[in-house]
PDB file of all heavy atoms in Angstrom:
ATOM      1  N   GLN A   1    -122.908  -5.382-164.415  1.00  0.00           N
ATOM      2  CA  GLN A   1    -124.065  -4.561-164.799  1.00  0.00           C
ATOM      3  C   GLN A   1    -124.096  -3.255-164.017  1.00  0.00           C
ATOM      4  O   GLN A   1    -124.285  -2.174-164.582  1.00  0.00           O
ATOM      5  CB  GLN A   1    -125.362  -5.336-164.546  1.00  0.00           C
ATOM      6  CG  GLN A   1    -125.616  -6.492-165.480  1.00  0.00           C
ATOM      7  CD  GLN A   1    -126.849  -7.277-165.068  1.00  0.00           C
ATOM      8  OE1 GLN A   1    -127.144  -7.430-163.885  1.00  0.00           O
ATOM      9  NE2 GLN A   1    -127.590  -7.787-166.040  1.00  0.00           N
ATOM     10  N   ALA A   2    -123.900  -3.363-162.701  1.00  0.00           N
ATOM     11  CA  ALA A   2    -123.989  -2.180-161.843  1.00  0.00           C
ATOM     12  C   ALA A   2    -122.862  -1.197-162.122  1.00  0.00           C
ATOM     13  O   ALA A   2    -123.055   0.032-162.047  1.00  0.00           O
ATOM     14  CB  ALA A   2    -123.989  -2.588-160.376  1.00  0.00           C
ATOM     15  N   LEU A   3    -121.681  -1.689-162.422  1.00  0.00           N
ATOM     16  CA  LEU A   3    -120.574  -0.793-162.745  1.00  0.00           C
ATOM     17  C   LEU A   3    -120.929   0.097-163.940  1.00  0.00           C
ATOM     18  O   LEU A   3    -120.731   1.315-163.903  1.00  0.00           O
ATOM     19  CB  LEU A   3    -119.313  -1.602-163.055  1.00  0.00           C
ATOM     20  CG  LEU A   3    -118.547  -2.155-161.852  1.00  0.00           C
ATOM     21  CD1 LEU A   3    -117.488  -3.160-162.299  1.00  0.00           C
ATOM     22  CD2 LEU A   3    -117.888  -1.035-161.047  1.00  0.00           C
ATOM     23  N   ARG A   4    -121.456  -0.522-164.987  1.00  0.00           N
ATOM     24  CA  ARG A   4    -121.808   0.273-166.170  1.00  0.00           C
ATOM     25  C   ARG A   4    -123.004   1.187-165.886  1.00  0.00           C
ATOM     26  O   ARG A   4    -123.028   2.346-166.316  1.00  0.00           O
ATOM     27  CB  ARG A   4    -122.109  -0.658-167.345  1.00  0.00           C
ATOM     28  CG  ARG A   4    -120.869  -1.324-167.927  1.00  0.00           C
ATOM     29  CD  ARG A   4    -119.935  -0.289-168.528  1.00  0.00           C
ATOM     30  NE  ARG A   4    -118.771  -0.897-169.167  1.00  0.00           N
ATOM     31  CZ  ARG A   4    -117.514  -0.719-168.789  1.00  0.00           C
ATOM     32  NH1 ARG A   4    -117.243   0.066-167.731  1.00  0.00           N
ATOM     33  NH2 ARG A   4    -116.522  -1.290-169.435  1.00  0.00           N
ATOM     34  N   GLU A   5    -123.984   0.691-165.141  1.00  0.00           N
ATOM     35  CA  GLU A   5    -125.152   1.514-164.819  1.00  0.00           C
ATOM     36  C   GLU A   5    -124.763   2.746-164.003  1.00  0.00           C
ATOM     37  O   GLU A   5    -125.403   3.793-164.108  1.00  0.00           O
ATOM     38  CB  GLU A   5    -126.173   0.680-164.051  1.00  0.00           C
ATOM     39  CG  GLU A   5    -126.870  -0.365-164.907  1.00  0.00           C
ATOM     40  CD  GLU A   5    -127.646  -1.376-164.080  1.00  0.00           C
ATOM     41  OE1 GLU A   5    -127.648  -1.228-162.827  1.00  0.00           O
ATOM     42  OE2 GLU A   5    -128.240  -2.295-164.657  1.00  0.00           O
ATOM     43  N   GLN A   6    -123.708   2.606-163.193  1.00  0.00           N
ATOM     44  CA  GLN A   6    -123.280   3.706-162.333  1.00  0.00           C
ATOM     45  C   GLN A   6    -122.201   4.573-162.992  1.00  0.00           C
ATOM     46  O   GLN A   6    -121.614   5.424-162.343  1.00  0.00           O
ATOM     47  CB  GLN A   6    -122.773   3.142-161.002  1.00  0.00           C
ATOM     48  CG  GLN A   6    -123.882   2.496-160.181  1.00  0.00           C
ATOM     49  CD  GLN A   6    -123.363   1.676-159.017  1.00  0.00           C
ATOM     50  OE1 GLN A   6    -122.389   2.061-158.380  1.00  0.00           O
ATOM     51  NE2 GLN A   6    -124.009   0.556-158.732  1.00  0.00           N
ATOM     52  N   GLY A   7    -121.964   4.335-164.272  1.00  0.00           N
ATOM     53  CA  GLY A   7    -121.091   5.217-165.028  1.00  0.00           C
ATOM     54  C   GLY A   7    -119.629   4.839-165.086  1.00  0.00           C
ATOM     55  O   GLY A   7    -118.805   5.649-165.543  1.00  0.00           O
ATOM     56  N   ALA A   8    -119.264   3.641-164.647  1.00  0.00           N
ATOM     57  CA  ALA A   8    -117.864   3.222-164.722  1.00  0.00           C
ATOM     58  C   ALA A   8    -117.436   3.128-166.183  1.00  0.00           C
ATOM     59  O   ALA A   8    -118.052   2.413-166.982  1.00  0.00           O
ATOM     60  CB  ALA A   8    -117.673   1.877-164.037  1.00  0.00           C
ATOM     61  N   ALA A   9    -116.380   3.838-166.518  1.00  0.00           N
ATOM     62  CA  ALA A   9    -115.908   3.843-167.903  1.00  0.00           C
ATOM     63  C   ALA A   9    -114.725   2.913-168.121  1.00  0.00           C
ATOM     64  O   ALA A   9    -114.343   2.642-169.258  1.00  0.00           O
ATOM     65  CB  ALA A   9    -115.531   5.268-168.309  1.00  0.00           C
ATOM     66  N   GLY A  10    -114.129   2.413-167.034  1.00  0.00           N
ATOM     67  CA  GLY A  10    -112.937   1.592-167.154  1.00  0.00           C
ATOM     68  C   GLY A  10    -113.216   0.206-167.708  1.00  0.00           C
ATOM     69  O   GLY A  10    -114.366  -0.227-167.837  1.00  0.00           O
ATOM     70  N   SER A  11    -112.152  -0.507-168.021  1.00  0.00           N
ATOM     71  CA  SER A  11    -112.265  -1.843-168.594  1.00  0.00           C
ATOM     72  C   SER A  11    -112.729  -2.846-167.538  1.00  0.00           C
ATOM     73  O   SER A  11    -112.348  -2.770-166.370  1.00  0.00           O
ATOM     74  CB  SER A  11    -110.918  -2.283-169.172  1.00  0.00           C
ATOM     75  OG  SER A  11    -109.895  -2.183-168.196  1.00  0.00           O
ATOM     76  N   ILE A  12    -113.581  -3.784-167.966  1.00  0.00           N
ATOM     77  CA  ILE A  12    -114.102  -4.835-167.096  1.00  0.00           C
ATOM     78  C   ILE A  12    -113.816  -6.180-167.749  1.00  0.00           C
ATOM     79  O   ILE A  12    -114.191  -6.406-168.900  1.00  0.00           O
ATOM     80  CB  ILE A  12    -115.617  -4.689-166.870  1.00  0.00           C
ATOM     81  CG1 ILE A  12    -115.961  -3.330-166.259  1.00  0.00           C
ATOM     82  CG2 ILE A  12    -116.138  -5.820-165.980  1.00  0.00           C
ATOM     83  CD1 ILE A  12    -117.464  -3.068-166.163  1.00  0.00           C
ATOM     84  N   LEU A  13    -113.179  -7.071-166.997  1.00  0.00           N
ATOM     85  CA  LEU A  13    -112.907  -8.433-167.470  1.00  0.00           C
ATOM     86  C   LEU A  13    -113.545  -9.410-166.496  1.00  0.00           C
ATOM     87  O   LEU A  13    -113.235  -9.410-165.304  1.00  0.00           O
ATOM     88  CB  LEU A  13    -111.402  -8.689-167.551  1.00  0.00           C
ATOM     89  CG  LEU A  13    -110.980 -10.137-167.859  1.00  0.00           C
ATOM     90  CD1 LEU A  13    -111.490 -10.575-169.228  1.00  0.00           C
ATOM     91  CD2 LEU A  13    -109.453 -10.287-167.771  1.00  0.00           C
ATOM     92  N   LEU A  14    -114.448 -10.254-166.994  1.00  0.00           N
ATOM     93  CA  LEU A  14    -115.105 -11.281-166.192  1.00  0.00           C
ATOM     94  C   LEU A  14    -114.554 -12.639-166.623  1.00  0.00           C
ATOM     95  O   LEU A  14    -114.628 -12.989-167.799  1.00  0.00           O
ATOM     96  CB  LEU A  14    -116.617 -11.204-166.379  1.00  0.00           C
ATOM     97  CG  LEU A  14    -117.493 -12.072-165.485  1.00  0.00           C
ATOM     98  CD1 LEU A  14    -118.884 -11.447-165.335  1.00  0.00           C
ATOM     99  CD2 LEU A  14    -117.638 -13.494-166.011  1.00  0.00           C
ATOM    100  N   VAL A  15    -114.012 -13.379-165.675  1.00  0.00           N
ATOM    101  CA  VAL A  15    -113.367 -14.666-165.965  1.00  0.00           C
ATOM    102  C   VAL A  15    -114.158 -15.777-165.276  1.00  0.00           C
ATOM    103  O   VAL A  15    -114.314 -15.774-164.049  1.00  0.00           O
ATOM    104  CB  VAL A  15    -111.907 -14.682-165.466  1.00  0.00           C
ATOM    105  CG1 VAL A  15    -111.256 -16.022-165.779  1.00  0.00           C
ATOM    106  CG2 VAL A  15    -111.117 -13.545-166.094  1.00  0.00           C
ATOM    107  N   GLY A  16    -114.658 -16.728-166.057  1.00  0.00           N
ATOM    108  CA  GLY A  16    -115.422 -17.842-165.493  1.00  0.00           C
ATOM    109  C   GLY A  16    -114.992 -19.163-166.096  1.00  0.00           C
ATOM    110  O   GLY A  16    -114.699 -19.242-167.288  1.00  0.00           O
ATOM    111  N   ARG A  17    -114.994 -20.212-165.297  1.00  0.00           N
ATOM    112  CA  ARG A  17    -114.522 -21.509-165.784  1.00  0.00           C
ATOM    113  C   ARG A  17    -115.619 -22.331-166.457  1.00  0.00           C
ATOM    114  O   ARG A  17    -115.346 -23.364-167.054  1.00  0.00           O
ATOM    115  CB  ARG A  17    -113.933 -22.305-164.628  1.00  0.00           C
ATOM    116  CG  ARG A  17    -114.919 -22.686-163.556  1.00  0.00           C
ATOM    117  CD  ARG A  17    -114.225 -23.302-162.367  1.00  0.00           C
ATOM    118  NE  ARG A  17    -115.174 -23.599-161.302  1.00  0.00           N
ATOM    119  CZ  ARG A  17    -114.846 -23.749-160.032  1.00  0.00           C
ATOM    120  NH1 ARG A  17    -113.593 -23.590-159.666  1.00  0.00           N
ATOM    121  NH2 ARG A  17    -115.758 -24.036-159.136  1.00  0.00           N
ATOM    122  N   GLU A  18    -116.868 -21.888-166.370  1.00  0.00           N
ATOM    123  CA  GLU A  18    -117.955 -22.642-166.991  1.00  0.00           C
ATOM    124  C   GLU A  18    -117.942 -22.488-168.512  1.00  0.00           C
ATOM    125  O   GLU A  18    -117.316 -21.592-169.067  1.00  0.00           O
ATOM    126  CB  GLU A  18    -119.299 -22.202-166.426  1.00  0.00           C
ATOM    127  CG  GLU A  18    -119.529 -22.661-164.997  1.00  0.00           C
ATOM    128  CD  GLU A  18    -120.997 -22.629-164.623  1.00  0.00           C
ATOM    129  OE1 GLU A  18    -121.833 -23.067-165.439  1.00  0.00           O
ATOM    130  OE2 GLU A  18    -121.293 -22.165-163.510  1.00  0.00           O
ATOM    131  N   LEU A  19    -118.708 -23.385-169.170  1.00  0.00           N
ATOM    132  CA  LEU A  19    -118.783 -23.356-170.625  1.00  0.00           C
ATOM    133  C   LEU A  19    -119.602 -22.179-171.119  1.00  0.00           C
ATOM    134  O   LEU A  19    -119.399 -21.702-172.235  1.00  0.00           O
ATOM    135  CB  LEU A  19    -119.404 -24.661-171.147  1.00  0.00           C
ATOM    136  CG  LEU A  19    -118.741 -25.964-170.701  1.00  0.00           C
ATOM    137  CD1 LEU A  19    -119.468 -27.152-171.328  1.00  0.00           C
ATOM    138  CD2 LEU A  19    -117.269 -25.983-171.078  1.00  0.00           C
ATOM    139  N   ASP A  20    -120.548 -21.727-170.295  1.00  0.00           N
ATOM    140  CA  ASP A  20    -121.474 -20.671-170.701  1.00  0.00           C
ATOM    141  C   ASP A  20    -121.118 -19.348-170.047  1.00  0.00           C
ATOM    142  O   ASP A  20    -120.573 -19.319-168.942  1.00  0.00           O
ATOM    143  CB  ASP A  20    -122.891 -21.048-170.294  1.00  0.00           C
ATOM    144  CG  ASP A  20    -123.371 -22.322-170.972  1.00  0.00           C
ATOM    145  OD1 ASP A  20    -123.760 -22.237-172.140  1.00  0.00           O
ATOM    146  OD2 ASP A  20    -123.347 -23.385-170.327  1.00  0.00           O
ATOM    147  N   PRO A  21    -121.475 -18.227-170.701  1.00  0.00           N
ATOM    148  CA  PRO A  21    -121.395 -16.936-170.018  1.00  0.00           C
ATOM    149  C   PRO A  21    -122.362 -16.926-168.837  1.00  0.00           C
ATOM    150  O   PRO A  21    -123.180 -17.845-168.688  1.00  0.00           O
ATOM    151  CB  PRO A  21    -121.825 -15.946-171.116  1.00  0.00           C
ATOM    152  CG  PRO A  21    -121.683 -16.677-172.400  1.00  0.00           C
ATOM    153  CD  PRO A  21    -121.940 -18.112-172.092  1.00  0.00           C
ATOM    154  N   PRO A  22    -122.319 -15.902-167.987  1.00  0.00           N
ATOM    155  CA  PRO A  22    -123.155 -15.897-166.778  1.00  0.00           C
ATOM    156  C   PRO A  22    -124.633 -16.117-167.077  1.00  0.00           C
ATOM    157  O   PRO A  22    -125.183 -15.613-168.056  1.00  0.00           O
ATOM    158  CB  PRO A  22    -122.912 -14.503-166.203  1.00  0.00           C
ATOM    159  CG  PRO A  22    -121.527 -14.153-166.647  1.00  0.00           C
ATOM    160  CD  PRO A  22    -121.419 -14.727-168.026  1.00  0.00           C
ATOM    161  N   TYR A  23    -125.280 -16.897-166.199  1.00  0.00           N
ATOM    162  CA  TYR A  23    -126.695 -17.200-166.351  1.00  0.00           C
ATOM    163  C   TYR A  23    -127.328 -17.370-164.971  1.00  0.00           C
ATOM    164  O   TYR A  23    -126.642 -17.545-163.967  1.00  0.00           O
ATOM    165  CB  TYR A  23    -126.900 -18.476-167.182  1.00  0.00           C
ATOM    166  CG  TYR A  23    -126.197 -19.687-166.631  1.00  0.00           C
ATOM    167  CD1 TYR A  23    -126.798 -20.509-165.674  1.00  0.00           C
ATOM    168  CD2 TYR A  23    -124.917 -20.030-167.077  1.00  0.00           C
ATOM    169  CE1 TYR A  23    -126.144 -21.624-165.163  1.00  0.00           C
ATOM    170  CE2 TYR A  23    -124.260 -21.144-166.579  1.00  0.00           C
ATOM    171  CZ  TYR A  23    -124.881 -21.937-165.631  1.00  0.00           C
ATOM    172  OH  TYR A  23    -124.225 -23.041-165.126  1.00  0.00           O
ATOM    173  N   HIS A  24    -128.663 -17.325-164.939  1.00  0.00           N
ATOM    174  CA  HIS A  24    -129.403 -17.541-163.697  1.00  0.00           C
ATOM    175  C   HIS A  24    -129.437 -19.037-163.391  1.00  0.00           C
ATOM    176  O   HIS A  24    -129.729 -19.852-164.271  1.00  0.00           O
ATOM    177  CB  HIS A  24    -130.820 -16.997-163.819  1.00  0.00           C
ATOM    178  CG  HIS A  24    -130.894 -15.516-163.966  1.00  0.00           C
ATOM    179  ND1 HIS A  24    -130.640 -14.649-162.929  1.00  0.00           N
ATOM    180  CD2 HIS A  24    -131.180 -14.733-165.053  1.00  0.00           C
ATOM    181  CE1 HIS A  24    -130.775 -13.397-163.345  1.00  0.00           C
ATOM    182  NE2 HIS A  24    -131.089 -13.424-164.624  1.00  0.00           N
ATOM    183  N   ARG A  25    -129.200 -19.401-162.121  1.00  0.00           N
ATOM    184  CA  ARG A  25    -129.157 -20.815-161.753  1.00  0.00           C
ATOM    185  C   ARG A  25    -130.503 -21.427-161.357  1.00  0.00           C
ATOM    186  O   ARG A  25    -130.675 -22.646-161.512  1.00  0.00           O
ATOM    187  CB  ARG A  25    -128.129 -21.033-160.633  1.00  0.00           C
ATOM    188  CG  ARG A  25    -126.707 -20.760-161.104  1.00  0.00           C
ATOM    189  CD  ARG A  25    -125.653 -21.177-160.108  1.00  0.00           C
ATOM    190  NE  ARG A  25    -124.340 -20.767-160.587  1.00  0.00           N
ATOM    191  CZ  ARG A  25    -123.574 -21.463-161.401  1.00  0.00           C
ATOM    192  NH1 ARG A  25    -123.973 -22.641-161.835  1.00  0.00           N
ATOM    193  NH2 ARG A  25    -122.397 -21.003-161.800  1.00  0.00           N
ATOM    194  N   PRO A  26    -131.476 -20.679-160.817  1.00  0.00           N
ATOM    195  CA  PRO A  26    -132.743 -21.326-160.465  1.00  0.00           C
ATOM    196  C   PRO A  26    -133.381 -22.146-161.583  1.00  0.00           C
ATOM    197  O   PRO A  26    -133.967 -23.204-161.305  1.00  0.00           O
ATOM    198  CB  PRO A  26    -133.627 -20.144-160.045  1.00  0.00           C
ATOM    199  CG  PRO A  26    -132.643 -19.177-159.448  1.00  0.00           C
ATOM    200  CD  PRO A  26    -131.435 -19.279-160.337  1.00  0.00           C
TER     201      PRO A  26
END
């Protein structure tokens, strides 16, 4: 989120082993 908010134009790849995309844990 912060990369895009700060103007990063490059490619971003997020790799996670969970079944779901990122989420809040509380």
